[in-house]
């Protein structure tokens, strides 16, 4: 299986300190603090609407937290190239052009992440995700589950250490979920780290041993 992280023994740390996100004048959740190190998975849990996705997007830097700190190796993430060059986000939308083929979409991201990368790497990656037969199919004609797998392939191309995954198993059948679990597990074993949200528990997945649950209230 393709390695997800460039070979390194460096231990990175994402630290959240007393973070609060507001909507209008209302805090979505109580101040929250946690840290995630290389080789760890943080599972953000809480009731629907509590702000898990909003916190995830704030940690990504798409919006600012209202108070508190988000640190990458001891430095604020905001304006921090070291954070942005080492993190990759998978949201509810999969960020692929609908008119490009699956192969073309991955080639676009491959050039974005690493202009010197070999396009010959794309077919094996599509095969790993069970998408080789859809290589020439426009993204708009892929099923939701296939689009989700394509988004996971994009993460693999990124070789980023920190993955922020918002509902990665949504719309994916059981076989697809098992495949994504194995890729996530390999990412952690390769010195990667993850923040993840999921509607259900992750206790019956292959990721069990690496998971720390953090509850938003």
C-alpha atoms as a PDB file:
ATOM      1  CA  UNK A   1       0.000   0.000   0.000  1.00  0.00           C
ATOM      2  CA  UNK A   2       1.207   3.489  -0.844  1.00  0.00           C
ATOM      3  CA  UNK A   3       2.821   5.338   2.074  1.00  0.00           C
ATOM      4  CA  UNK A   4       0.845   8.407   3.053  1.00  0.00           C
ATOM      5  CA  UNK A   5       3.581  10.470   4.702  1.00  0.00           C
ATOM      6  CA  UNK A   6       7.072  11.354   3.582  1.00  0.00           C
ATOM      7  CA  UNK A   7       9.542   9.259   5.540  1.00  0.00           C
ATOM      8  CA  UNK A   8      10.362  11.075   8.774  1.00  0.00           C
ATOM      9  CA  UNK A   9      10.919  10.334  12.442  1.00  0.00           C
ATOM     10  CA  UNK A  10       9.860  13.855  13.396  1.00  0.00           C
ATOM     11  CA  UNK A  11       7.101  14.014  16.000  1.00  0.00           C
ATOM     12  CA  UNK A  12       4.637  16.810  15.289  1.00  0.00           C
ATOM     13  CA  UNK A  13       2.031  18.238  17.634  1.00  0.00           C
ATOM     14  CA  UNK A  14      -1.298  19.936  17.033  1.00  0.00           C
ATOM     15  CA  UNK A  15      -2.466  21.636  20.227  1.00  0.00           C
ATOM     16  CA  UNK A  16      -5.876  23.167  20.883  1.00  0.00           C
ATOM     17  CA  UNK A  17      -6.035  25.393  23.964  1.00  0.00           C
ATOM     18  CA  UNK A  18      -9.368  26.631  25.371  1.00  0.00           C
ATOM     19  CA  UNK A  19     -10.815  26.974  21.865  1.00  0.00           C
ATOM     20  CA  UNK A  20     -14.279  28.470  21.444  1.00  0.00           C
ATOM     21  CA  UNK A  21     -16.182  29.100  18.217  1.00  0.00           C
ATOM     22  CA  UNK A  22     -19.235  31.361  18.178  1.00  0.00           C
ATOM     23  CA  UNK A  23     -22.195  31.818  15.867  1.00  0.00           C
ATOM     24  CA  UNK A  24     -23.309  35.382  16.296  1.00  0.00           C
ATOM     25  CA  UNK A  25     -22.939  36.027  20.007  1.00  0.00           C
ATOM     26  CA  UNK A  26     -23.494  32.396  21.006  1.00  0.00           C
ATOM     27  CA  UNK A  27     -20.698  29.936  21.776  1.00  0.00           C
ATOM     28  CA  UNK A  28     -21.302  26.627  20.010  1.00  0.00           C
ATOM     29  CA  UNK A  29     -19.544  24.612  22.708  1.00  0.00           C
ATOM     30  CA  UNK A  30     -17.658  25.000  25.970  1.00  0.00           C
ATOM     31  CA  UNK A  31     -13.925  25.853  25.784  1.00  0.00           C
ATOM     32  CA  UNK A  32     -12.080  22.760  24.589  1.00  0.00           C
ATOM     33  CA  UNK A  33      -8.444  21.710  24.871  1.00  0.00           C
ATOM     34  CA  UNK A  34      -6.624  18.679  23.487  1.00  0.00           C
ATOM     35  CA  UNK A  35      -3.497  17.750  21.609  1.00  0.00           C
ATOM     36  CA  UNK A  36      -2.739  15.329  18.809  1.00  0.00           C
ATOM     37  CA  UNK A  37       0.726  13.874  18.224  1.00  0.00           C
ATOM     38  CA  UNK A  38       2.163  11.897  15.335  1.00  0.00           C
ATOM     39  CA  UNK A  39       0.671   8.406  15.359  1.00  0.00           C
ATOM     40  CA  UNK A  40      -2.546   9.511  17.077  1.00  0.00           C
ATOM     41  CA  UNK A  41      -6.205   9.883  16.088  1.00  0.00           C
ATOM     42  CA  UNK A  42      -8.521  12.393  17.747  1.00  0.00           C
ATOM     43  CA  UNK A  43     -12.211  11.576  17.244  1.00  0.00           C
ATOM     44  CA  UNK A  44     -14.364  14.661  17.806  1.00  0.00           C
ATOM     45  CA  UNK A  45     -17.712  13.571  19.223  1.00  0.00           C
ATOM     46  CA  UNK A  46     -20.840  15.384  20.357  1.00  0.00           C
ATOM     47  CA  UNK A  47     -24.497  15.887  19.546  1.00  0.00           C
ATOM     48  CA  UNK A  48     -25.546  16.943  16.047  1.00  0.00           C
ATOM     49  CA  UNK A  49     -25.218  20.698  15.644  1.00  0.00           C
ATOM     50  CA  UNK A  50     -22.762  21.119  18.512  1.00  0.00           C
ATOM     51  CA  UNK A  51     -20.115  22.487  16.138  1.00  0.00           C
ATOM     52  CA  UNK A  52     -17.807  19.599  15.226  1.00  0.00           C
ATOM     53  CA  UNK A  53     -17.559  20.600  11.569  1.00  0.00           C
ATOM     54  CA  UNK A  54     -17.193  24.273  12.478  1.00  0.00           C
ATOM     55  CA  UNK A  55     -14.353  23.468  14.875  1.00  0.00           C
ATOM     56  CA  UNK A  56     -12.701  21.284  12.240  1.00  0.00           C
ATOM     57  CA  UNK A  57     -12.872  24.085   9.672  1.00  0.00           C
ATOM     58  CA  UNK A  58     -11.519  26.529  12.240  1.00  0.00           C
ATOM     59  CA  UNK A  59      -8.584  24.223  12.951  1.00  0.00           C
ATOM     60  CA  UNK A  60      -7.952  24.079   9.195  1.00  0.00           C
ATOM     61  CA  UNK A  61      -7.795  27.864   9.121  1.00  0.00           C
ATOM     62  CA  UNK A  62     -10.895  28.360   6.962  1.00  0.00           C
ATOM     63  CA  UNK A  63     -12.222  30.589   9.722  1.00  0.00           C
ATOM     64  CA  UNK A  64     -10.756  31.840  12.990  1.00  0.00           C
ATOM     65  CA  UNK A  65     -11.645  30.543  16.407  1.00  0.00           C
ATOM     66  CA  UNK A  66     -13.385  33.128  18.565  1.00  0.00           C
ATOM     67  CA  UNK A  67     -11.052  32.631  21.512  1.00  0.00           C
ATOM     68  CA  UNK A  68      -8.267  30.279  22.519  1.00  0.00           C
ATOM     69  CA  UNK A  69      -5.318  29.020  20.499  1.00  0.00           C
ATOM     70  CA  UNK A  70      -4.586  26.497  17.749  1.00  0.00           C
ATOM     71  CA  UNK A  71      -0.870  25.675  17.649  1.00  0.00           C
ATOM     72  CA  UNK A  72       1.247  23.586  15.300  1.00  0.00           C
ATOM     73  CA  UNK A  73       4.522  22.605  16.945  1.00  0.00           C
ATOM     74  CA  UNK A  74       4.086  25.451  19.401  1.00  0.00           C
ATOM     75  CA  UNK A  75       3.256  28.193  16.866  1.00  0.00           C
ATOM     76  CA  UNK A  76      -0.161  29.568  15.873  1.00  0.00           C
ATOM     77  CA  UNK A  77      -1.491  27.968  12.695  1.00  0.00           C
ATOM     78  CA  UNK A  78      -2.663  31.291  11.287  1.00  0.00           C
ATOM     79  CA  UNK A  79      -0.168  32.428   8.662  1.00  0.00           C
ATOM     80  CA  UNK A  80       1.974  29.395   9.479  1.00  0.00           C
ATOM     81  CA  UNK A  81       3.223  27.777   6.256  1.00  0.00           C
ATOM     82  CA  UNK A  82       4.582  24.846   8.234  1.00  0.00           C
ATOM     83  CA  UNK A  83       1.032  23.943   9.242  1.00  0.00           C
ATOM     84  CA  UNK A  84      -0.566  24.401   5.837  1.00  0.00           C
ATOM     85  CA  UNK A  85       2.160  22.399   4.083  1.00  0.00           C
ATOM     86  CA  UNK A  86       1.675  19.522   6.502  1.00  0.00           C
ATOM     87  CA  UNK A  87      -2.130  19.311   6.677  1.00  0.00           C
ATOM     88  CA  UNK A  88      -4.891  18.149   4.341  1.00  0.00           C
ATOM     89  CA  UNK A  89      -8.657  18.484   4.777  1.00  0.00           C
ATOM     90  CA  UNK A  90     -11.496  16.275   3.583  1.00  0.00           C
ATOM     91  CA  UNK A  91     -14.854  17.971   4.055  1.00  0.00           C
ATOM     92  CA  UNK A  92     -18.419  17.180   3.036  1.00  0.00           C
ATOM     93  CA  UNK A  93     -17.593  18.417  -0.462  1.00  0.00           C
ATOM     94  CA  UNK A  94     -14.784  16.548  -2.136  1.00  0.00           C
ATOM     95  CA  UNK A  95     -13.093  19.439  -4.016  1.00  0.00           C
ATOM     96  CA  UNK A  96     -12.903  17.744  -7.411  1.00  0.00           C
ATOM     97  CA  UNK A  97     -13.909  19.449 -10.664  1.00  0.00           C
ATOM     98  CA  UNK A  98     -17.083  17.698 -11.900  1.00  0.00           C
ATOM     99  CA  UNK A  99     -16.035  17.898 -15.560  1.00  0.00           C
ATOM    100  CA  UNK A 100     -12.600  16.355 -15.130  1.00  0.00           C
ATOM    101  CA  UNK A 101     -12.150  12.607 -15.255  1.00  0.00           C
ATOM    102  CA  UNK A 102     -11.059  10.825 -12.095  1.00  0.00           C
ATOM    103  CA  UNK A 103      -7.543  10.498 -13.545  1.00  0.00           C
ATOM    104  CA  UNK A 104      -7.398  14.155 -14.600  1.00  0.00           C
ATOM    105  CA  UNK A 105      -8.533  15.304 -11.181  1.00  0.00           C
ATOM    106  CA  UNK A 106      -5.813  13.345  -9.402  1.00  0.00           C
ATOM    107  CA  UNK A 107      -3.238  14.553 -11.921  1.00  0.00           C
ATOM    108  CA  UNK A 108      -4.249  18.149 -11.172  1.00  0.00           C
ATOM    109  CA  UNK A 109      -3.708  17.625  -7.439  1.00  0.00           C
ATOM    110  CA  UNK A 110      -0.513  15.672  -8.011  1.00  0.00           C
ATOM    111  CA  UNK A 111       0.996  18.633  -9.876  1.00  0.00           C
ATOM    112  CA  UNK A 112      -0.282  20.986  -7.185  1.00  0.00           C
ATOM    113  CA  UNK A 113       1.292  19.009  -4.346  1.00  0.00           C
ATOM    114  CA  UNK A 114       4.477  17.913  -6.115  1.00  0.00           C
ATOM    115  CA  UNK A 115       5.191  19.169  -9.656  1.00  0.00           C
ATOM    116  CA  UNK A 116       8.044  16.667 -10.006  1.00  0.00           C
ATOM    117  CA  UNK A 117       5.854  13.627  -9.258  1.00  0.00           C
ATOM    118  CA  UNK A 118       5.449  10.910 -11.885  1.00  0.00           C
ATOM    119  CA  UNK A 119       1.946  10.705 -13.458  1.00  0.00           C
ATOM    120  CA  UNK A 120       2.508   6.942 -13.701  1.00  0.00           C
ATOM    121  CA  UNK A 121       1.742   6.817  -9.965  1.00  0.00           C
ATOM    122  CA  UNK A 122      -1.902   7.689 -10.583  1.00  0.00           C
ATOM    123  CA  UNK A 123      -3.139   4.408 -12.097  1.00  0.00           C
ATOM    124  CA  UNK A 124      -1.828   2.280  -9.192  1.00  0.00           C
ATOM    125  CA  UNK A 125      -3.443   4.719  -6.775  1.00  0.00           C
ATOM    126  CA  UNK A 126      -6.790   4.491  -8.571  1.00  0.00           C
ATOM    127  CA  UNK A 127      -6.447   0.712  -8.498  1.00  0.00           C
ATOM    128  CA  UNK A 128      -5.756   0.780  -4.757  1.00  0.00           C
ATOM    129  CA  UNK A 129      -9.033   2.656  -4.229  1.00  0.00           C
ATOM    130  CA  UNK A 130     -10.973   0.383  -6.586  1.00  0.00           C
ATOM    131  CA  UNK A 131     -11.422   3.196  -9.113  1.00  0.00           C
ATOM    132  CA  UNK A 132      -9.215   2.129 -12.010  1.00  0.00           C
ATOM    133  CA  UNK A 133     -12.261   1.215 -14.134  1.00  0.00           C
ATOM    134  CA  UNK A 134     -13.530   4.772 -13.580  1.00  0.00           C
ATOM    135  CA  UNK A 135     -10.243   6.469 -14.534  1.00  0.00           C
ATOM    136  CA  UNK A 136     -11.766   8.105 -17.623  1.00  0.00           C
ATOM    137  CA  UNK A 137     -15.197   8.772 -16.115  1.00  0.00           C
ATOM    138  CA  UNK A 138     -16.107  12.397 -15.368  1.00  0.00           C
ATOM    139  CA  UNK A 139     -16.312  13.077 -11.645  1.00  0.00           C
ATOM    140  CA  UNK A 140     -19.918  14.252 -12.011  1.00  0.00           C
ATOM    141  CA  UNK A 141     -20.884  10.734 -13.128  1.00  0.00           C
ATOM    142  CA  UNK A 142     -19.257   8.955 -10.189  1.00  0.00           C
ATOM    143  CA  UNK A 143     -21.382   7.725  -7.311  1.00  0.00           C
ATOM    144  CA  UNK A 144     -21.123   9.502  -3.963  1.00  0.00           C
ATOM    145  CA  UNK A 145     -19.065   6.640  -2.551  1.00  0.00           C
ATOM    146  CA  UNK A 146     -16.707   6.718  -5.540  1.00  0.00           C
ATOM    147  CA  UNK A 147     -16.238  10.464  -5.112  1.00  0.00           C
ATOM    148  CA  UNK A 148     -15.386   9.839  -1.465  1.00  0.00           C
ATOM    149  CA  UNK A 149     -12.741   7.308  -2.467  1.00  0.00           C
ATOM    150  CA  UNK A 150     -11.338   9.782  -4.991  1.00  0.00           C
ATOM    151  CA  UNK A 151     -11.034  12.328  -2.191  1.00  0.00           C
ATOM    152  CA  UNK A 152      -9.085   9.783  -0.128  1.00  0.00           C
ATOM    153  CA  UNK A 153      -6.792   9.255  -3.124  1.00  0.00           C
ATOM    154  CA  UNK A 154      -6.171  13.006  -3.130  1.00  0.00           C
ATOM    155  CA  UNK A 155      -5.097  12.811   0.519  1.00  0.00           C
ATOM    156  CA  UNK A 156      -2.653  10.051  -0.353  1.00  0.00           C
ATOM    157  CA  UNK A 157      -1.119  12.196  -3.082  1.00  0.00           C
ATOM    158  CA  UNK A 158      -0.664  15.082  -0.669  1.00  0.00           C
ATOM    159  CA  UNK A 159       1.795  13.214   1.585  1.00  0.00           C
ATOM    160  CA  UNK A 160       0.678  15.549   4.391  1.00  0.00           C
ATOM    161  CA  UNK A 161       1.198  14.421   7.965  1.00  0.00           C
ATOM    162  CA  UNK A 162      -2.041  15.764   9.474  1.00  0.00           C
ATOM    163  CA  UNK A 163      -5.345  14.645   7.988  1.00  0.00           C
ATOM    164  CA  UNK A 164      -8.547  16.423   9.043  1.00  0.00           C
ATOM    165  CA  UNK A 165     -11.437  14.182   8.019  1.00  0.00           C
ATOM    166  CA  UNK A 166     -15.041  15.327   8.339  1.00  0.00           C
ATOM    167  CA  UNK A 167     -17.355  12.307   7.995  1.00  0.00           C
ATOM    168  CA  UNK A 168     -15.004  10.286   5.739  1.00  0.00           C
ATOM    169  CA  UNK A 169     -17.245   7.191   5.824  1.00  0.00           C
ATOM    170  CA  UNK A 170     -20.442   9.032   4.879  1.00  0.00           C
ATOM    171  CA  UNK A 171     -22.144   7.483   1.857  1.00  0.00           C
ATOM    172  CA  UNK A 172     -19.597   4.662   1.594  1.00  0.00           C
ATOM    173  CA  UNK A 173     -20.627   0.990   1.664  1.00  0.00           C
ATOM    174  CA  UNK A 174     -19.128  -1.447   4.161  1.00  0.00           C
ATOM    175  CA  UNK A 175     -16.418  -2.649   1.782  1.00  0.00           C
ATOM    176  CA  UNK A 176     -15.468   0.947   1.031  1.00  0.00           C
ATOM    177  CA  UNK A 177     -15.406   1.757   4.734  1.00  0.00           C
ATOM    178  CA  UNK A 178     -13.030  -1.146   5.381  1.00  0.00           C
ATOM    179  CA  UNK A 179     -10.767   0.121   2.608  1.00  0.00           C
ATOM    180  CA  UNK A 180     -10.717   3.663   4.016  1.00  0.00           C
ATOM    181  CA  UNK A 181     -10.072   2.269   7.508  1.00  0.00           C
ATOM    182  CA  UNK A 182      -7.029   0.366   6.248  1.00  0.00           C
ATOM    183  CA  UNK A 183      -5.673   3.470   4.504  1.00  0.00           C
ATOM    184  CA  UNK A 184      -6.171   5.569   7.635  1.00  0.00           C
ATOM    185  CA  UNK A 185      -4.484   2.906   9.756  1.00  0.00           C
ATOM    186  CA  UNK A 186      -1.493   2.804   7.406  1.00  0.00           C
ATOM    187  CA  UNK A 187      -1.319   6.599   7.591  1.00  0.00           C
ATOM    188  CA  UNK A 188      -1.074   6.445  11.383  1.00  0.00           C
ATOM    189  CA  UNK A 189       1.533   3.665  11.241  1.00  0.00           C
ATOM    190  CA  UNK A 190       3.540   5.873   8.853  1.00  0.00           C
ATOM    191  CA  UNK A 191       3.859   8.635  11.489  1.00  0.00           C
ATOM    192  CA  UNK A 192       0.693  10.411  10.355  1.00  0.00           C
ATOM    193  CA  UNK A 193      -1.955  11.958  12.596  1.00  0.00           C
ATOM    194  CA  UNK A 194      -5.692  12.551  12.214  1.00  0.00           C
ATOM    195  CA  UNK A 195      -8.646  14.526  13.467  1.00  0.00           C
ATOM    196  CA  UNK A 196     -11.877  12.842  12.464  1.00  0.00           C
ATOM    197  CA  UNK A 197     -15.626  13.277  12.865  1.00  0.00           C
ATOM    198  CA  UNK A 198     -18.105  10.475  12.293  1.00  0.00           C
ATOM    199  CA  UNK A 199     -21.829  10.064  12.946  1.00  0.00           C
ATOM    200  CA  UNK A 200     -21.301   6.716  14.653  1.00  0.00           C
ATOM    201  CA  UNK A 201     -18.749   5.221  16.992  1.00  0.00           C
ATOM    202  CA  UNK A 202     -15.346   4.192  15.651  1.00  0.00           C
ATOM    203  CA  UNK A 203     -14.924   1.532  18.340  1.00  0.00           C
ATOM    204  CA  UNK A 204     -15.663  -1.325  15.944  1.00  0.00           C
ATOM    205  CA  UNK A 205     -13.200  -0.179  13.297  1.00  0.00           C
ATOM    206  CA  UNK A 206      -9.592  -1.090  12.559  1.00  0.00           C
ATOM    207  CA  UNK A 207      -8.637   2.298  14.014  1.00  0.00           C
ATOM    208  CA  UNK A 208      -9.648   1.424  17.583  1.00  0.00           C
ATOM    209  CA  UNK A 209      -6.201   1.290  19.218  1.00  0.00           C
ATOM    210  CA  UNK A 210      -5.146   4.736  18.014  1.00  0.00           C
ATOM    211  CA  UNK A 211      -8.307   6.662  18.897  1.00  0.00           C
ATOM    212  CA  UNK A 212      -8.792   9.254  21.621  1.00  0.00           C
ATOM    213  CA  UNK A 213     -12.319  10.652  21.867  1.00  0.00           C
ATOM    214  CA  UNK A 214     -12.759  14.364  22.579  1.00  0.00           C
ATOM    215  CA  UNK A 215     -16.324  15.456  23.329  1.00  0.00           C
ATOM    216  CA  UNK A 216     -17.772  18.855  22.468  1.00  0.00           C
ATOM    217  CA  UNK A 217     -20.497  20.023  24.868  1.00  0.00           C
END
